[in-house]
Amino acid sequence: MIHNNRKAVLFITIAASFLMPYMSSSINIALPTIGEELNVNAVVLGWVATSYLLSTVIVLLPLGRLSDMFGRKKIFLYGIIVYTLSSLFCAFSSSSLPLIMFRVLQGIGSAMIYSTAVAILTSLFPKEERGKIMGIYVAAVYIGLSMGPFLGGVFTQYLGWRSVFYLNVPIGILIIIITIWKMKEEWVEAGGEKFDFAGSFIYGVSIFLLIYGLSRLPEMLGFVFVGMGAAGLAAFGVFEYYNPSPILQIAIFRNNRVFIFSSLAALINYSATFSVSFLLGLYLQYIKGFTPQTAGIIMIAQPAVQALLSPFAGGLSDRVEPSRLSSLGMSITAGALILFIFLNHATNLPYIITALILLGIGLALFSSPNTNAIMSSVHKKYYGIASGLLATMRVLGQNMSLGITMVVFAIIIGNAQITPQYHPEFLISSKLIFSILSVLCTAGVFFSLSRGKMRK
């Protein structure tokens, strides 16, 4: 029965995995319209975006542990129900307070899906097919991240900001129906074990301080919060080491170079690449004078290439050592980031598209094999934890990437709007940011190579 339902399960996990990153990236385009209609200031508007991200990352690891204890299908199904309902409530919100509250709920639903989707696919498909399946999954995630701003802009412009949330509802209902109908297995690998409430609290507070601190950089208070968050995470690691029923099994790190360095490589990869679409969107509109819709069409080059190549790269990692493929992918990604350093007023469109295509190739070769390596390096009992940790690396990397960008902007541009008067400062900032991201990605190549071989 499970074999007959594999395609249906793959479809619903892919659809859900597109919706989550789509939501996190598309809402940014709608924020100015939301602020104007609901009459809120920039600080409150910032919390419309941040509340979703914070609630997601805070509960990711605990939910991964709960899915191992009570069933991955159960947590996934409840997650898509929560996500769909909260999306509907967000669309109906008439003021900022309920919108932020429902965004928190939406983030929790997203975390329930993030922490189970990869674990379900890993449990369902055998090792010899896992790389290809991870490639399809990763393609869905990156398409959601990259297409979010474009789709969000189109929906907001023609249908209003509420349509950004409405899109989730019919897709969510379809996923719920197919999940109940086709997903038969529950996958309870750690049934009867205790849940670590104290560790979950320490982890949640530490992550909150870290993410909130990153959002406040380069203020001194931001550095203080980041330091407190990092110290809290270190204390969390010590606490989990001595805890008999932790939410993060330190055992999966012990003598597991593949898992450790693959997770670090994922964190670095997201940290080095997430800001690219943000920076390039501004560059194409402010410096090159393209409309938001035209800029979005140009930027489709990267996710389109990645969507085409990710399943191939994932399937190739079933036959070729994943560490070699992902290291090659990160090297190509670093090369693409170096090309972006030289963007200026005179840069032609073929140069930009070439750099985007290279970025798509690099991300495809890195992401699918790296995900395959992470999930194949742990026992099935820990698939939920590993899936949650992988999603945590993604969200932390996204925040670190934006944190680097905001710090550079604050230092060089300050609080000024990016008017033609400040275009030279914007280009200087972009060059510096892309330089930092290139160095970070190059360092990531060495982490990727240091993991050793997944197949002995």
Protein backbone atom coordinates (compact mmCIF):
# COMPACT_ATOMS: atom_id res chain seq x y z
CA MET A 1 0.00 0.00 0.00
CA ILE A 2 2.80 2.41 0.91
CA HIS A 3 4.54 1.79 -2.41
CA ASN A 4 1.36 2.63 -4.33
CA ASN A 5 0.98 5.88 -2.39
CA ARG A 6 4.54 7.13 -2.77
CA LYS A 7 3.75 9.51 -5.63
CA ALA A 8 0.83 11.03 -3.71
CA VAL A 9 2.99 11.53 -0.59
CA LEU A 10 5.76 13.05 -2.73
CA PHE A 11 3.22 15.45 -4.27
CA ILE A 12 1.82 16.69 -0.96
CA THR A 13 5.27 17.15 0.63
CA ILE A 14 6.46 19.09 -2.43
CA ALA A 15 3.34 21.28 -2.47
CA ALA A 16 3.69 22.00 1.26
CA SER A 17 7.42 22.62 0.90
CA PHE A 18 6.72 25.22 -1.78
CA LEU A 19 4.12 27.06 0.30
CA MET A 20 6.32 27.62 3.35
CA PRO A 21 9.23 29.48 1.70
CA TYR A 22 6.81 31.19 -0.69
CA MET A 23 5.04 32.69 2.31
CA SER A 24 8.23 33.85 4.03
CA SER A 25 9.55 35.63 0.92
CA SER A 26 6.35 36.90 -0.76
CA ILE A 27 5.06 38.80 2.26
CA ASN A 28 7.97 41.26 2.06
CA ILE A 29 6.65 42.62 -1.24
CA ALA A 30 3.19 43.14 0.26
CA LEU A 31 4.38 44.93 3.42
CA PRO A 32 4.17 48.53 2.07
CA THR A 33 0.57 47.94 0.94
CA ILE A 34 -0.31 46.31 4.27
CA GLY A 35 1.17 49.26 6.16
CA GLU A 36 -0.79 51.75 4.10
CA GLU A 37 -4.13 49.93 4.42
CA LEU A 38 -3.80 49.07 8.13
CA ASN A 39 -2.13 52.40 8.96
CA VAL A 40 0.84 51.00 10.91
CA ASN A 41 4.41 52.22 11.33
CA ALA A 42 7.60 50.54 10.13
CA VAL A 43 8.31 48.84 13.48
CA VAL A 44 4.91 47.13 13.61
CA LEU A 45 5.22 46.28 9.92
CA GLY A 46 8.55 44.62 10.63
CA TRP A 47 6.87 42.37 13.18
CA VAL A 48 4.38 41.18 10.54
CA ALA A 49 7.35 39.54 8.80
CA THR A 50 9.48 38.71 11.86
CA SER A 51 6.73 37.07 13.94
CA TYR A 52 6.31 34.29 11.36
CA LEU A 53 10.04 33.61 11.15
CA LEU A 54 10.56 33.67 14.90
CA SER A 55 7.70 31.33 15.75
CA THR A 56 8.84 28.92 13.03
CA VAL A 57 12.43 28.58 14.16
CA ILE A 58 11.63 28.49 17.90
CA VAL A 59 9.48 25.35 17.67
CA LEU A 60 11.28 23.51 14.85
CA LEU A 61 13.46 21.21 16.95
CA PRO A 62 10.82 20.43 19.61
CA LEU A 63 8.32 19.55 16.88
CA GLY A 64 10.88 17.33 15.18
CA ARG A 65 11.22 15.41 18.44
CA LEU A 66 7.41 15.25 18.89
CA SER A 67 7.02 13.83 15.38
CA ASP A 68 9.43 11.01 16.25
CA MET A 69 7.46 10.33 19.44
CA PHE A 70 3.84 10.62 18.24
CA GLY A 71 3.98 10.15 14.48
CA ARG A 72 5.26 12.16 11.52
CA LYS A 73 2.01 11.96 9.56
CA LYS A 74 0.06 13.27 12.56
CA ILE A 75 2.32 16.32 13.05
CA PHE A 76 2.44 16.98 9.28
CA LEU A 77 -1.36 16.83 8.97
CA TYR A 78 -1.97 19.04 11.99
CA GLY A 79 0.64 21.44 10.62
CA ILE A 80 -1.03 21.91 7.24
CA ILE A 81 -4.41 22.36 8.98
CA VAL A 82 -2.98 25.04 11.29
CA TYR A 83 -1.15 26.69 8.38
CA THR A 84 -4.21 26.78 6.13
CA LEU A 85 -6.57 28.13 8.79
CA SER A 86 -4.11 30.77 9.98
CA SER A 87 -3.55 31.89 6.35
CA LEU A 88 -7.30 32.40 6.00
CA PHE A 89 -7.44 34.34 9.28
CA CYS A 90 -4.48 36.49 8.18
CA ALA A 91 -6.35 37.43 5.01
CA PHE A 92 -9.40 38.44 7.09
CA SER A 93 -7.39 40.56 9.58
CA SER A 94 -8.56 44.14 9.84
CA SER A 95 -5.75 45.45 12.07
CA SER A 96 -2.10 44.74 12.82
CA LEU A 97 -2.53 42.91 16.15
CA PRO A 98 -4.65 39.97 14.89
CA LEU A 99 -2.49 39.81 11.76
CA ILE A 100 0.67 39.38 13.84
CA MET A 101 -1.04 36.84 16.12
CA PHE A 102 -2.18 34.74 13.16
CA ARG A 103 1.28 35.07 11.61
CA VAL A 104 2.70 33.48 14.77
CA LEU A 105 0.19 30.65 14.39
CA GLN A 106 1.08 30.35 10.72
CA GLY A 107 4.75 30.04 11.67
CA ILE A 108 3.96 27.19 14.08
CA GLY A 109 2.07 25.39 11.32
CA SER A 110 5.04 25.88 8.99
CA ALA A 111 7.39 24.43 11.59
CA MET A 112 5.18 21.33 11.92
CA ILE A 113 5.53 20.79 8.18
CA TYR A 114 9.23 21.69 7.96
CA SER A 115 10.11 19.28 10.77
CA THR A 116 8.33 16.31 9.17
CA ALA A 117 8.43 16.66 5.37
CA VAL A 118 12.03 15.51 4.83
CA ALA A 119 11.67 12.87 7.57
CA ILE A 120 8.59 11.42 5.84
CA LEU A 121 10.32 11.27 2.47
CA THR A 122 13.41 9.71 4.04
CA SER A 123 11.25 7.11 5.80
CA LEU A 124 9.22 6.30 2.70
CA PHE A 125 11.87 6.02 -0.01
CA PRO A 126 14.83 3.59 0.01
CA LYS A 127 18.42 4.85 0.03
CA GLU A 128 18.97 4.14 -3.65
CA GLU A 129 16.14 6.57 -4.56
CA ARG A 130 16.58 9.07 -1.76
CA GLY A 131 18.92 11.49 -3.54
CA LYS A 132 16.55 12.01 -6.46
CA ILE A 133 13.62 12.55 -4.08
CA MET A 134 15.61 15.06 -2.03
CA GLY A 135 16.42 16.85 -5.28
CA ILE A 136 12.74 17.27 -6.07
CA TYR A 137 12.06 18.45 -2.51
CA VAL A 138 14.92 20.97 -2.54
CA ALA A 139 13.78 22.30 -5.92
CA ALA A 140 10.34 23.01 -4.42
CA VAL A 141 11.87 24.86 -1.45
CA TYR A 142 14.10 27.08 -3.59
CA ILE A 143 11.39 27.77 -6.14
CA GLY A 144 9.18 28.93 -3.26
CA LEU A 145 11.92 31.18 -1.90
CA SER A 146 12.83 32.63 -5.28
CA MET A 147 9.35 32.92 -6.79
CA GLY A 148 7.82 34.38 -3.64
CA PRO A 149 8.78 38.03 -4.32
CA PHE A 150 7.63 37.82 -7.95
CA LEU A 151 4.30 36.13 -7.19
CA GLY A 152 3.77 38.35 -4.14
CA GLY A 153 4.32 41.43 -6.29
CA VAL A 154 1.88 40.31 -8.98
CA PHE A 155 -0.83 39.28 -6.50
CA THR A 156 -0.45 42.45 -4.45
CA GLN A 157 -0.51 44.69 -7.50
CA TYR A 158 -3.57 43.16 -9.17
CA LEU A 159 -5.54 41.45 -6.37
CA GLY A 160 -4.46 43.17 -3.15
CA TRP A 161 -2.20 41.99 -0.30
CA ARG A 162 -4.80 39.59 1.10
CA SER A 163 -4.50 37.44 -2.03
CA VAL A 164 -0.95 36.52 -0.95
CA PHE A 165 -2.54 34.63 1.96
CA TYR A 166 -5.59 33.38 0.04
CA LEU A 167 -3.36 31.37 -2.31
CA ASN A 168 -2.43 29.09 0.60
CA VAL A 169 -6.01 28.09 1.33
CA PRO A 170 -7.06 25.99 -1.72
CA ILE A 171 -3.61 24.38 -1.94
CA GLY A 172 -3.70 23.67 1.80
CA ILE A 173 -7.15 22.07 1.57
CA LEU A 174 -5.97 19.87 -1.32
CA ILE A 175 -2.94 18.74 0.71
CA ILE A 176 -5.15 17.94 3.74
CA ILE A 177 -7.49 15.79 1.63
CA ILE A 178 -4.69 13.84 -0.07
CA THR A 179 -2.82 13.39 3.23
CA ILE A 180 -5.87 11.83 4.91
CA TRP A 181 -6.63 9.76 1.82
CA LYS A 182 -3.20 8.55 0.73
CA MET A 183 -0.70 8.80 3.59
CA LYS A 184 -1.22 5.53 5.47
CA GLU A 185 1.93 5.14 7.58
CA GLU A 186 2.45 7.05 10.87
CA TRP A 187 6.21 6.48 11.43
CA VAL A 188 6.46 6.47 15.22
CA GLU A 189 10.13 5.71 15.95
CA ALA A 190 10.47 6.97 19.53
CA GLY A 191 7.08 6.12 21.02
CA GLY A 192 6.81 6.10 24.80
CA GLU A 193 9.85 8.30 25.40
CA LYS A 194 9.67 11.49 27.49
CA PHE A 195 9.53 14.97 26.02
CA ASP A 196 12.18 17.49 27.10
CA PHE A 197 10.22 20.59 28.20
CA ALA A 198 13.18 22.27 29.93
CA GLY A 199 15.44 21.85 26.91
CA SER A 200 12.70 23.17 24.63
CA PHE A 201 12.39 26.28 26.80
CA ILE A 202 16.13 26.95 26.83
CA TYR A 203 16.31 26.40 23.08
CA GLY A 204 13.31 28.63 22.35
CA VAL A 205 14.54 31.56 24.46
CA SER A 206 18.06 31.30 23.02
CA ILE A 207 16.83 31.22 19.44
CA PHE A 208 14.52 34.17 20.11
CA LEU A 209 17.41 36.24 21.48
CA LEU A 210 19.65 35.28 18.56
CA ILE A 211 17.11 36.03 15.80
CA TYR A 212 15.85 39.20 17.46
CA GLY A 213 19.42 40.34 17.98
CA LEU A 214 20.21 39.81 14.30
CA SER A 215 17.20 41.96 13.38
CA ARG A 216 18.52 44.80 15.59
CA LEU A 217 22.05 44.89 14.19
CA PRO A 218 24.17 47.01 14.01
CA GLU A 219 22.79 48.55 17.24
CA MET A 220 24.71 47.67 20.39
CA LEU A 221 21.57 46.07 21.81
CA GLY A 222 21.55 43.76 18.79
CA PHE A 223 25.08 42.53 19.55
CA VAL A 224 24.10 41.98 23.20
CA PHE A 225 21.10 39.86 22.23
CA VAL A 226 23.13 37.87 19.70
CA GLY A 227 25.76 37.18 22.38
CA MET A 228 23.11 36.11 24.89
CA GLY A 229 21.47 33.86 22.30
CA ALA A 230 24.76 32.22 21.38
CA ALA A 231 25.59 31.65 25.06
CA GLY A 232 22.13 30.18 25.61
CA LEU A 233 22.58 27.76 22.71
CA ALA A 234 25.92 26.66 24.16
CA ALA A 235 24.21 26.04 27.52
CA PHE A 236 21.46 24.18 25.67
CA GLY A 237 24.03 21.87 24.10
CA VAL A 238 25.53 21.05 27.51
CA PHE A 239 22.08 20.49 29.02
CA GLU A 240 21.08 18.16 26.19
CA TYR A 241 24.30 16.16 26.53
CA TYR A 242 23.36 15.09 30.06
CA ASN A 243 19.61 14.81 29.42
CA PRO A 244 18.34 11.21 29.07
CA SER A 245 15.45 12.31 26.76
CA PRO A 246 16.66 15.41 24.87
CA ILE A 247 14.97 17.18 21.96
CA LEU A 248 18.37 17.22 20.24
CA GLN A 249 20.14 13.90 20.46
CA ILE A 250 23.83 14.74 20.88
CA ALA A 251 24.42 11.10 19.93
CA ILE A 252 23.74 11.93 16.28
CA PHE A 253 26.73 14.32 16.35
CA ARG A 254 29.11 11.94 18.11
CA ASN A 255 31.58 10.43 15.66
CA ASN A 256 29.36 11.57 12.78
CA ARG A 257 31.47 13.95 10.70
CA VAL A 258 29.06 13.67 7.77
CA PHE A 259 26.12 14.98 9.80
CA ILE A 260 28.10 17.73 11.58
CA PHE A 261 29.86 19.20 8.56
CA SER A 262 26.88 18.73 6.22
CA SER A 263 24.72 20.72 8.67
CA LEU A 264 27.37 23.45 8.93
CA ALA A 265 27.67 23.52 5.14
CA ALA A 266 23.89 24.02 4.89
CA LEU A 267 24.02 26.89 7.38
CA ILE A 268 26.86 28.58 5.48
CA ASN A 269 25.19 28.04 2.11
CA TYR A 270 21.97 29.76 3.19
CA SER A 271 23.95 32.51 4.91
CA ALA A 272 25.88 33.17 1.69
CA THR A 273 22.99 33.07 -0.79
CA PHE A 274 19.70 34.16 0.79
CA SER A 275 20.40 37.90 0.37
CA VAL A 276 21.14 37.56 -3.35
CA SER A 277 17.50 37.88 -4.45
CA PHE A 278 16.98 40.80 -2.05
CA LEU A 279 20.04 42.70 -3.33
CA LEU A 280 19.49 41.85 -6.98
CA GLY A 281 15.83 42.92 -6.78
CA LEU A 282 16.92 46.35 -5.53
CA TYR A 283 19.75 46.58 -8.09
CA LEU A 284 17.54 45.75 -11.07
CA GLN A 285 14.93 48.32 -10.03
CA TYR A 286 17.05 51.15 -8.62
CA ILE A 287 20.18 50.95 -10.79
CA LYS A 288 18.90 49.38 -14.03
CA GLY A 289 15.44 50.99 -13.89
CA PHE A 290 13.37 47.84 -14.46
CA THR A 291 9.82 47.53 -13.16
CA PRO A 292 9.20 45.10 -10.27
CA GLN A 293 7.50 42.67 -12.65
CA THR A 294 10.40 42.76 -15.17
CA ALA A 295 12.94 42.36 -12.39
CA GLY A 296 11.02 39.34 -11.14
CA ILE A 297 11.00 37.77 -14.61
CA ILE A 298 14.78 38.22 -14.93
CA MET A 299 15.37 36.65 -11.54
CA ILE A 300 13.36 33.55 -12.50
CA ALA A 301 16.51 32.36 -14.35
CA GLN A 302 18.08 31.07 -11.13
CA PRO A 303 15.15 29.04 -9.69
CA ALA A 304 14.25 27.73 -13.16
CA VAL A 305 17.73 26.28 -13.64
CA GLN A 306 17.77 24.94 -10.12
CA ALA A 307 14.36 23.32 -10.50
CA LEU A 308 15.54 21.54 -13.65
CA LEU A 309 18.84 20.34 -12.21
CA SER A 310 17.99 19.54 -8.57
CA PRO A 311 16.29 16.17 -9.26
CA PHE A 312 19.20 15.22 -11.56
CA ALA A 313 21.77 16.27 -8.93
CA GLY A 314 19.89 14.40 -6.23
CA GLY A 315 19.69 11.27 -8.35
CA LEU A 316 23.39 11.57 -9.16
CA SER A 317 24.15 11.66 -5.42
CA ASP A 318 22.64 8.15 -5.20
CA ARG A 319 25.53 6.95 -7.37
CA VAL A 320 28.32 9.50 -6.76
CA GLU A 321 29.69 10.51 -3.36
CA PRO A 322 27.39 13.39 -2.16
CA SER A 323 30.26 15.30 -0.52
CA ARG A 324 31.99 15.71 -3.89
CA LEU A 325 28.84 16.93 -5.62
CA SER A 326 27.84 19.36 -2.89
CA SER A 327 31.42 20.72 -2.64
CA LEU A 328 31.46 21.27 -6.40
CA GLY A 329 28.08 22.99 -6.14
CA MET A 330 29.27 25.31 -3.39
CA SER A 331 32.38 26.15 -5.44
CA ILE A 332 30.22 27.12 -8.43
CA THR A 333 27.98 29.14 -6.10
CA ALA A 334 31.03 31.02 -4.79
CA GLY A 335 32.02 31.75 -8.40
CA ALA A 336 28.56 33.17 -9.14
CA LEU A 337 28.74 35.39 -6.04
CA ILE A 338 32.12 36.71 -7.21
CA LEU A 339 30.51 37.69 -10.54
CA PHE A 340 27.88 39.72 -8.64
CA ILE A 341 30.65 41.79 -7.00
CA PHE A 342 31.28 43.55 -10.33
CA LEU A 343 27.71 44.74 -10.93
CA ASN A 344 27.54 48.45 -11.86
CA HIS A 345 25.47 50.90 -13.92
CA ALA A 346 26.84 49.55 -17.19
CA THR A 347 26.47 45.81 -16.50
CA ASN A 348 24.53 44.20 -19.34
CA LEU A 349 21.62 41.79 -19.01
CA PRO A 350 23.43 38.69 -20.41
CA TYR A 351 26.09 39.07 -17.68
CA ILE A 352 23.41 39.19 -14.96
CA ILE A 353 21.50 36.21 -16.37
CA THR A 354 24.74 34.20 -16.73
CA ALA A 355 25.55 34.83 -13.06
CA LEU A 356 22.01 33.78 -12.08
CA ILE A 357 22.26 30.58 -14.14
CA LEU A 358 25.59 29.73 -12.50
CA LEU A 359 24.02 30.35 -9.10
CA GLY A 360 21.15 28.01 -9.99
CA ILE A 361 23.59 25.30 -11.10
CA GLY A 362 25.66 25.67 -7.94
CA LEU A 363 22.66 25.56 -5.60
CA ALA A 364 21.22 22.53 -7.38
CA LEU A 365 24.48 20.59 -7.13
CA PHE A 366 24.89 21.52 -3.46
CA SER A 367 21.44 21.35 -1.89
CA SER A 368 20.06 17.97 -2.97
CA PRO A 369 23.23 15.92 -2.31
CA ASN A 370 23.80 17.75 0.98
CA THR A 371 20.25 17.01 2.16
CA ASN A 372 20.70 13.39 1.11
CA ALA A 373 23.95 13.21 3.08
CA ILE A 374 22.36 14.66 6.24
CA MET A 375 19.31 12.39 6.27
CA SER A 376 21.26 9.26 5.30
CA SER A 377 23.82 9.77 8.06
CA VAL A 378 21.39 9.26 10.99
CA HIS A 379 19.30 6.36 12.29
CA LYS A 380 15.62 6.37 11.31
CA LYS A 381 14.76 6.98 14.98
CA TYR A 382 16.20 10.49 14.58
CA TYR A 383 14.77 11.45 11.18
CA GLY A 384 12.38 13.98 12.76
CA ILE A 385 15.18 15.64 14.73
CA ALA A 386 17.47 15.71 11.69
CA SER A 387 14.69 17.17 9.52
CA GLY A 388 13.98 19.84 12.13
CA LEU A 389 17.67 20.68 12.48
CA LEU A 390 18.06 20.99 8.70
CA ALA A 391 15.14 23.44 8.59
CA THR A 392 16.65 25.33 11.53
CA MET A 393 19.94 25.70 9.62
CA ARG A 394 17.94 27.11 6.71
CA VAL A 395 16.10 29.74 8.77
CA LEU A 396 19.18 30.72 10.80
CA GLY A 397 21.18 31.04 7.59
CA GLN A 398 18.51 33.27 6.05
CA ASN A 399 18.58 35.54 9.10
CA MET A 400 22.38 35.69 9.17
CA SER A 401 22.43 36.58 5.48
CA LEU A 402 19.96 39.42 5.97
CA GLY A 403 21.84 40.47 9.13
CA ILE A 404 25.07 40.89 7.14
CA THR A 405 23.20 42.91 4.52
CA MET A 406 21.51 45.20 7.04
CA VAL A 407 24.75 45.89 8.91
CA VAL A 408 26.54 46.95 5.71
CA PHE A 409 23.60 49.09 4.61
CA ALA A 410 23.43 50.78 8.02
CA ILE A 411 27.16 51.58 7.95
CA ILE A 412 27.36 52.88 4.37
CA ILE A 413 23.85 54.20 3.55
CA GLY A 414 22.47 54.79 7.04
CA ASN A 415 18.75 55.48 7.40
CA ALA A 416 18.47 57.23 4.02
CA GLN A 417 16.12 55.98 1.33
CA ILE A 418 17.81 54.60 -1.79
CA THR A 419 17.12 57.58 -4.05
CA PRO A 420 19.27 58.36 -7.14
CA GLN A 421 21.43 60.48 -4.85
CA TYR A 422 22.41 57.35 -2.89
CA HIS A 423 22.85 54.98 -5.84
CA PRO A 424 26.69 55.14 -5.61
CA GLU A 425 26.48 54.19 -1.91
CA PHE A 426 24.12 51.35 -2.78
CA LEU A 427 26.58 49.96 -5.33
CA ILE A 428 29.43 50.22 -2.83
CA SER A 429 27.31 48.40 -0.25
CA SER A 430 26.39 45.69 -2.75
CA LYS A 431 30.00 45.12 -3.73
CA LEU A 432 31.02 44.77 -0.09
CA ILE A 433 28.11 42.45 0.75
CA PHE A 434 28.76 40.20 -2.25
CA SER A 435 32.45 40.14 -1.33
CA ILE A 436 31.61 39.00 2.22
CA LEU A 437 29.17 36.39 0.92
CA SER A 438 31.77 35.12 -1.58
CA VAL A 439 34.37 34.66 1.17
CA LEU A 440 31.78 32.96 3.38
CA CYS A 441 30.76 30.58 0.58
CA THR A 442 34.41 29.79 -0.24
CA ALA A 443 34.98 28.90 3.41
CA GLY A 444 31.90 26.69 3.18
CA VAL A 445 33.62 24.62 0.49
CA PHE A 446 36.21 23.52 3.06
CA PHE A 447 33.48 22.56 5.56
CA SER A 448 31.80 20.58 2.81
CA LEU A 449 35.03 18.77 1.93
CA SER A 450 35.82 18.10 5.61
CA ARG A 451 32.79 15.88 6.16
CA GLY A 452 34.47 12.84 4.67
CA LYS A 453 32.65 10.21 2.65
CA MET A 454 29.06 9.17 3.31
CA ARG A 455 29.69 5.80 1.65
CA LYS A 456 32.59 3.83 3.04
